[in-house]
């Protein structure tokens, strides 16, 4: 029984590892903004991630049809645009707020794809948790440009889930490595145009390599592995753990203490994640009665 449960638990563990690595890497990446800007930081992250993934997975070992190449290009271009827009948002709005706004993308995918009444309960829990993370009623206006960038990243995230699922028949390493290469084609020229020769500083390059591995290469590999085993609507709900994971890590790394509302938000997202995982398993294994 214990071994039979491992395949069902793997997607949850993969998503948890992904959001943890992403939160840590993004926290470190933001330290580069004063030196090379959000565009340059995004270029280092995506560019190095593409190189690492190409070396690790060596996608040239597998054949790629024209149809699959088109799907990977759409997946990669969307991924690159999402990364760039999200980093642009981080220039003027807090990290947690940007994540919360960006989550409207996967939540929209989950709601649009839902077919069972119980799915709306988990979406409602996740949405309630995200709303509690927003600074409602505190009187501090958010920068409109930053919010628009985050909303643009949300749209890209929704498309990323959809396009990623369409490549689910391919090897995860094949899709991730070629997709990140396509993302680099979008992001790197923008970063070079903004930061110029500053990107060639050896210390920045080394720091950027670390950020790329932690915040892109590792999360992307884990997310693609989870997408191959989960419906896109369930993946969209599971990934909603990211604001909660980011808040917990911020307590240790940044000494940011949680308010009762933020603890309540964490409870909502955990309930949504566990509930969606259980109902997804029941939907796939409980059909034969």
Foldseek 3Di string as FASTA:
>chain_A
DVVVCVVLCLLLVLLVLLLLLQLVLVVLLVVCCVPQHLLQSLLLQLVLLLVVLCVVLVLVVDDADPVRLVLLLQLLQLVLLLSSLLSVLVVFDPPLLLVLLLLVQLLVLLVVPDDDPVSVVLSVLLNLLSVLSDPPPPPDDGDPSSSVSSNSSSNSVNSNLVSLLVNLVDDLSNSLNSSSVSSSVVRNVSSCVRRPPSSVDPVNSVSSSVSNVRNPNSSSSSLSVSSSVFPSSLSSLSSSLNSVSSVVVCCVPVVDDDDPSNVSSNVSSVCSNVSSSVVRVCVVPVPPD
